Amino acid sequence: MKPEPDVWLLFSPVKGDATETIVQKATELGASKIVPLSTQRTVVKAIKTERLRNIMVEAAEQCERLTCPVLEEEEAKVVDIVGKWPEDRMLILCDETAVSSTRETVLNNMYTQSAADKKAGILIGPEGGWTSEELDLIRSVPNAVSLSLGPRILRAETAAIAALSIYQAFHGDWEPDK
């Protein structure tokens, strides 16, 4: 069996059942780590980690995944993530203000990376989007790239599914063994 891709999902928890949907789908799509992220516009201040762990186990069983992602207990702050971001991991900022030509550049870079360099983290913003200060801070990370997910403003759960699907299409374990 191929090793699972090493992709992290960092997202701002959202209202209602959407946080649970994000965690469920991220597990099904092969995220190796899930990090709740506190931003300036984060509405939800507390998450039910035990409930999310149960959802991850159920999702892993449903898709016959052998592992569950690591779930960070505490919400990380954007400034802390930026300050500690690993040098060997691409940081993919899902950004509705990114220009469309960036998408091709990001995807081409992802496609041409060697197997050892396929580690990435995907940042999904809060309801209401990133603030300009957060965008500037995130973009200051040397290996950060902005990725537009198209012309529509997506809900956080849709953006997470779309971004993880793009990652899997280029770096993931969707291709059969050769």
Protein backbone atom coordinates (compact mmCIF):
# COMPACT_ATOMS: atom_id res chain seq x y z
CA MET A 1 0.00 0.00 0.00
CA LYS A 2 1.26 3.49 -0.87
CA PRO A 3 2.08 5.83 1.98
CA GLU A 4 -0.58 8.43 2.64
CA PRO A 5 0.10 11.98 1.50
CA ASP A 6 1.42 14.38 4.12
CA VAL A 7 -1.05 17.24 3.83
CA TRP A 8 -2.32 19.31 6.72
CA LEU A 9 -5.62 21.17 6.77
CA LEU A 10 -5.71 24.36 8.81
CA PHE A 11 -9.15 25.97 8.99
CA SER A 12 -11.17 28.42 11.00
CA PRO A 13 -14.03 26.60 12.75
CA VAL A 14 -17.43 27.64 11.43
CA LYS A 15 -20.99 27.68 12.70
CA GLY A 16 -23.39 24.77 12.76
CA ASP A 17 -22.40 21.34 11.54
CA ALA A 18 -19.92 22.76 9.00
CA THR A 19 -16.88 22.15 11.24
CA GLU A 20 -17.88 18.50 11.56
CA THR A 21 -18.33 18.28 7.79
CA ILE A 22 -14.86 19.76 7.23
CA VAL A 23 -13.26 17.25 9.61
CA GLN A 24 -15.17 14.33 8.11
CA LYS A 25 -14.32 15.20 4.51
CA ALA A 26 -10.69 16.08 5.35
CA THR A 27 -10.33 12.60 6.87
CA GLU A 28 -11.90 10.96 3.83
CA LEU A 29 -9.65 13.00 1.52
CA GLY A 30 -6.48 11.95 3.31
CA ALA A 31 -5.45 14.90 5.49
CA SER A 32 -2.67 13.81 7.84
CA LYS A 33 -3.23 16.61 10.35
CA ILE A 34 -6.21 18.87 11.09
CA VAL A 35 -5.59 22.18 12.83
CA PRO A 36 -8.39 24.48 14.00
CA LEU A 37 -7.22 28.03 13.35
CA SER A 38 -8.16 31.16 15.26
CA THR A 39 -8.31 34.20 12.99
CA GLN A 40 -9.47 37.76 13.48
CA ARG A 41 -12.85 36.81 12.01
CA THR A 42 -13.31 33.37 13.59
CA VAL A 43 -16.85 33.18 14.93
CA VAL A 44 -16.75 29.80 16.71
CA LYS A 45 -14.53 29.96 19.77
CA ALA A 46 -14.79 26.38 21.07
CA ILE A 47 -14.72 23.04 19.34
CA LYS A 48 -15.76 19.64 20.64
CA THR A 49 -12.54 17.68 20.14
CA GLU A 50 -13.95 14.37 21.37
CA ARG A 51 -16.88 14.65 18.94
CA LEU A 52 -14.48 15.52 16.10
CA ARG A 53 -12.27 12.53 16.95
CA ASN A 54 -15.29 10.23 16.75
CA ILE A 55 -16.20 11.71 13.37
CA MET A 56 -12.64 11.12 12.16
CA VAL A 57 -12.73 7.47 13.24
CA GLU A 58 -16.08 6.91 11.51
CA ALA A 59 -14.87 8.65 8.34
CA ALA A 60 -11.63 6.64 8.30
CA GLU A 61 -13.58 3.39 8.68
CA GLN A 62 -16.05 4.37 5.97
CA CYS A 63 -13.32 5.06 3.40
CA GLU A 64 -11.16 2.13 4.56
CA ARG A 65 -8.35 4.41 5.62
CA LEU A 66 -5.86 2.78 7.97
CA THR A 67 -5.03 5.92 9.92
CA CYS A 68 -6.78 8.95 11.37
CA PRO A 69 -5.39 12.44 11.05
CA VAL A 70 -3.80 14.11 14.05
CA LEU A 71 -6.25 16.62 15.51
CA GLU A 72 -4.72 19.60 17.23
CA GLU A 73 -6.46 20.15 20.57
CA GLU A 74 -5.97 23.90 20.79
CA GLU A 75 -6.88 26.44 18.15
CA ALA A 76 -3.69 27.83 16.63
CA LYS A 77 -3.30 31.54 15.98
CA VAL A 78 -2.24 32.73 12.53
CA VAL A 79 0.81 34.52 13.94
CA ASP A 80 1.96 31.31 15.68
CA ILE A 81 1.49 29.19 12.56
CA VAL A 82 3.49 31.65 10.45
CA GLY A 83 6.26 31.87 13.04
CA LYS A 84 6.68 28.09 13.30
CA TRP A 85 5.94 27.00 9.74
CA PRO A 86 8.30 24.16 8.67
CA GLU A 87 10.74 25.09 5.93
CA ASP A 88 10.15 21.81 4.10
CA ARG A 89 6.36 22.19 3.83
CA MET A 90 4.52 24.22 1.21
CA LEU A 91 1.89 26.56 2.67
CA ILE A 92 -1.10 26.83 0.34
CA LEU A 93 -3.21 29.87 1.18
CA CYS A 94 -6.71 29.54 -0.24
CA ASP A 95 -7.39 33.13 -1.11
CA GLU A 96 -10.35 34.47 -3.02
CA THR A 97 -8.29 37.57 -3.91
CA ALA A 98 -5.54 35.53 -5.63
CA VAL A 99 -5.23 36.11 -9.36
CA SER A 100 -6.20 33.22 -11.59
CA SER A 101 -2.73 32.94 -13.13
CA THR A 102 -1.49 32.02 -9.65
CA ARG A 103 -3.57 28.84 -9.81
CA GLU A 104 -1.63 27.50 -12.79
CA THR A 105 1.68 28.40 -11.16
CA VAL A 106 0.73 26.69 -7.90
CA LEU A 107 -0.57 23.57 -9.65
CA ASN A 108 2.48 23.34 -11.91
CA ASN A 109 4.79 23.72 -8.91
CA MET A 110 2.86 21.05 -7.04
CA TYR A 111 2.99 18.70 -10.01
CA THR A 112 6.73 19.06 -10.55
CA GLN A 113 7.76 18.72 -6.91
CA SER A 114 9.73 15.60 -6.07
CA ALA A 115 8.10 12.98 -3.87
CA ALA A 116 10.15 14.13 -0.88
CA ASP A 117 8.86 17.69 -1.27
CA LYS A 118 5.17 16.91 -1.41
CA LYS A 119 4.46 17.99 2.15
CA ALA A 120 1.94 20.80 2.32
CA GLY A 121 -0.46 22.64 4.54
CA ILE A 122 -3.70 24.11 3.24
CA LEU A 123 -5.10 27.23 4.91
CA ILE A 124 -8.87 27.80 4.73
CA GLY A 125 -10.07 31.17 5.96
CA PRO A 126 -12.97 32.08 8.20
CA GLU A 127 -16.48 33.16 7.34
CA GLY A 128 -15.97 36.68 6.08
CA GLY A 129 -12.52 35.91 4.69
CA TRP A 130 -8.98 36.76 5.74
CA THR A 131 -8.13 40.26 6.92
CA SER A 132 -5.51 42.16 4.93
CA GLU A 133 -3.14 41.88 7.91
CA GLU A 134 -3.52 38.10 7.99
CA LEU A 135 -2.98 37.84 4.25
CA ASP A 136 0.22 39.91 4.48
CA LEU A 137 1.46 37.82 7.41
CA ILE A 138 0.75 34.49 5.71
CA ARG A 139 2.25 35.63 2.41
CA SER A 140 5.46 36.52 4.26
CA VAL A 141 6.21 32.80 4.76
CA PRO A 142 8.94 31.93 2.22
CA ASN A 143 7.22 28.80 0.92
CA ALA A 144 3.67 30.21 0.95
CA VAL A 145 1.65 30.36 -2.25
CA SER A 146 -1.81 31.81 -2.80
CA LEU A 147 -4.36 29.65 -4.55
CA SER A 148 -7.62 30.85 -6.03
CA LEU A 149 -10.36 28.24 -5.99
CA GLY A 150 -12.23 29.95 -8.82
CA PRO A 151 -14.44 32.96 -9.40
CA ARG A 152 -17.00 32.17 -6.70
CA ILE A 153 -16.71 32.84 -2.98
CA LEU A 154 -16.97 29.37 -1.44
CA ARG A 155 -18.19 28.34 1.97
CA ALA A 156 -15.37 27.14 4.20
CA GLU A 157 -16.44 23.50 3.98
CA THR A 158 -16.61 23.66 0.17
CA ALA A 159 -13.21 25.37 -0.01
CA ALA A 160 -11.63 22.69 2.20
CA ILE A 161 -13.03 19.88 0.04
CA ALA A 162 -11.98 21.61 -3.18
CA ALA A 163 -8.45 22.40 -1.98
CA LEU A 164 -7.83 18.90 -0.63
CA SER A 165 -9.17 17.42 -3.87
CA ILE A 166 -6.79 19.58 -5.91
CA TYR A 167 -3.90 18.50 -3.71
CA GLN A 168 -4.84 14.84 -4.00
CA ALA A 169 -5.14 15.12 -7.79
CA PHE A 170 -1.55 16.35 -8.06
CA HIS A 171 0.23 14.80 -5.09
CA GLY A 172 -2.05 12.35 -3.45
CA ASP A 173 -2.70 8.68 -3.58
CA TRP A 174 -5.44 8.77 -6.20
CA GLU A 175 -3.25 7.35 -8.95
CA PRO A 176 -2.89 3.57 -8.97
CA ASP A 177 0.54 2.15 -8.24
CA LYS A 178 2.70 2.05 -11.33
